[in-house]
Amino acid sequence: MATTTTNTAHLEQQVNQQRSEIARLKGRISTLSEDLGAIKRDIADFRRRVTDDMTALVENIQEERTRR
């Protein structure tokens, strides 16, 4: 009977440790998910800015050609 009690206590300890680890990992996943969303927004903003810059550059080149 003592072995059963010891095993049960040990299993309960393992379950509690795993519960704690799962909670920590869920928090980490949440943080990473938020970071990924921020990165996606940054990339979209970067692409938009590059597009705007390239458009302005092409327009300037075309204006210079028409002036000649």
C-alpha atoms as a PDB file:
ATOM      1  CA  MET A   1       0.000   0.000   0.000  1.00  0.00           C
ATOM      2  CA  ALA A   2       2.877   2.374   0.759  1.00  0.00           C
ATOM      3  CA  THR A   3       4.195   1.869  -2.759  1.00  0.00           C
ATOM      4  CA  THR A   4       0.820   2.807  -4.227  1.00  0.00           C
ATOM      5  CA  THR A   5       0.697   5.970  -2.126  1.00  0.00           C
ATOM      6  CA  THR A   6       4.247   6.852  -3.119  1.00  0.00           C
ATOM      7  CA  ASN A   7       3.505   6.223  -6.790  1.00  0.00           C
ATOM      8  CA  THR A   8       0.316   8.287  -6.585  1.00  0.00           C
ATOM      9  CA  ALA A   9       2.155  11.168  -4.912  1.00  0.00           C
ATOM     10  CA  HIS A  10       4.893  10.971  -7.512  1.00  0.00           C
ATOM     11  CA  LEU A  11       2.373  10.960 -10.363  1.00  0.00           C
ATOM     12  CA  GLU A  12       0.522  13.919  -8.841  1.00  0.00           C
ATOM     13  CA  GLN A  13       3.812  15.801  -8.632  1.00  0.00           C
ATOM     14  CA  GLN A  14       4.557  15.014 -12.281  1.00  0.00           C
ATOM     15  CA  VAL A  15       1.069  16.124 -13.333  1.00  0.00           C
ATOM     16  CA  ASN A  16       1.489  19.407 -11.451  1.00  0.00           C
ATOM     17  CA  GLN A  17       4.886  19.992 -13.047  1.00  0.00           C
ATOM     18  CA  GLN A  18       3.498  19.245 -16.479  1.00  0.00           C
ATOM     19  CA  ARG A  19       0.526  21.529 -15.857  1.00  0.00           C
ATOM     20  CA  SER A  20       2.924  24.319 -14.940  1.00  0.00           C
ATOM     21  CA  GLU A  21       5.096  23.651 -17.988  1.00  0.00           C
ATOM     22  CA  ILE A  22       2.050  23.626 -20.283  1.00  0.00           C
ATOM     23  CA  ALA A  23       0.903  26.973 -18.881  1.00  0.00           C
ATOM     24  CA  ARG A  24       4.378  28.426 -19.457  1.00  0.00           C
ATOM     25  CA  LEU A  25       4.479  27.096 -23.016  1.00  0.00           C
ATOM     26  CA  LYS A  26       1.009  28.477 -23.778  1.00  0.00           C
ATOM     27  CA  GLY A  27       2.214  31.890 -22.643  1.00  0.00           C
ATOM     28  CA  ARG A  28       5.286  31.597 -24.845  1.00  0.00           C
ATOM     29  CA  ILE A  29       3.179  30.565 -27.844  1.00  0.00           C
ATOM     30  CA  SER A  30       0.925  33.554 -27.265  1.00  0.00           C
ATOM     31  CA  THR A  31       3.932  35.889 -27.168  1.00  0.00           C
ATOM     32  CA  LEU A  32       5.401  34.370 -30.323  1.00  0.00           C
ATOM     33  CA  SER A  33       2.060  34.673 -32.079  1.00  0.00           C
ATOM     34  CA  GLU A  34       1.870  38.367 -31.214  1.00  0.00           C
ATOM     35  CA  ASP A  35       5.478  38.848 -32.369  1.00  0.00           C
ATOM     36  CA  LEU A  36       4.709  37.115 -35.659  1.00  0.00           C
ATOM     37  CA  GLY A  37       1.747  39.422 -36.224  1.00  0.00           C
ATOM     38  CA  ALA A  38       3.967  42.449 -35.607  1.00  0.00           C
ATOM     39  CA  ILE A  39       6.595  41.117 -38.020  1.00  0.00           C
ATOM     40  CA  LYS A  40       3.959  40.541 -40.710  1.00  0.00           C
ATOM     41  CA  ARG A  41       2.719  44.114 -40.288  1.00  0.00           C
ATOM     42  CA  ASP A  42       6.291  45.424 -40.468  1.00  0.00           C
ATOM     43  CA  ILE A  43       6.959  43.478 -43.672  1.00  0.00           C
ATOM     44  CA  ALA A  44       3.752  44.751 -45.264  1.00  0.00           C
ATOM     45  CA  ASP A  45       4.687  48.318 -44.292  1.00  0.00           C
ATOM     46  CA  PHE A  46       8.215  47.844 -45.659  1.00  0.00           C
ATOM     47  CA  ARG A  47       6.862  46.522 -48.971  1.00  0.00           C
ATOM     48  CA  ARG A  48       4.459  49.449 -49.249  1.00  0.00           C
ATOM     49  CA  ARG A  49       7.260  51.931 -48.609  1.00  0.00           C
ATOM     50  CA  VAL A  50       9.552  50.278 -51.149  1.00  0.00           C
ATOM     51  CA  THR A  51       6.729  50.314 -53.697  1.00  0.00           C
ATOM     52  CA  ASP A  52       6.101  54.007 -53.011  1.00  0.00           C
ATOM     53  CA  ASP A  53       9.818  54.792 -53.323  1.00  0.00           C
ATOM     54  CA  MET A  54      10.168  52.828 -56.570  1.00  0.00           C
ATOM     55  CA  THR A  55       7.079  54.508 -58.016  1.00  0.00           C
ATOM     56  CA  ALA A  56       8.455  57.952 -57.144  1.00  0.00           C
ATOM     57  CA  LEU A  57      11.829  57.031 -58.637  1.00  0.00           C
ATOM     58  CA  VAL A  58      10.299  55.830 -61.905  1.00  0.00           C
ATOM     59  CA  GLU A  59       8.125  58.950 -62.127  1.00  0.00           C
ATOM     60  CA  ASN A  60      11.166  61.170 -61.582  1.00  0.00           C
ATOM     61  CA  ILE A  61      13.092  59.347 -64.290  1.00  0.00           C
ATOM     62  CA  GLN A  62      10.164  59.690 -66.699  1.00  0.00           C
ATOM     63  CA  GLU A  63       9.857  63.414 -65.936  1.00  0.00           C
ATOM     64  CA  GLU A  64      13.565  63.889 -66.597  1.00  0.00           C
ATOM     65  CA  ARG A  65      13.267  62.109 -69.940  1.00  0.00           C
ATOM     66  CA  THR A  66      10.334  64.269 -71.042  1.00  0.00           C
ATOM     67  CA  ARG A  67      12.276  67.441 -70.178  1.00  0.00           C
ATOM     68  CA  ARG A  68      15.076  66.527 -72.550  1.00  0.00           C
END
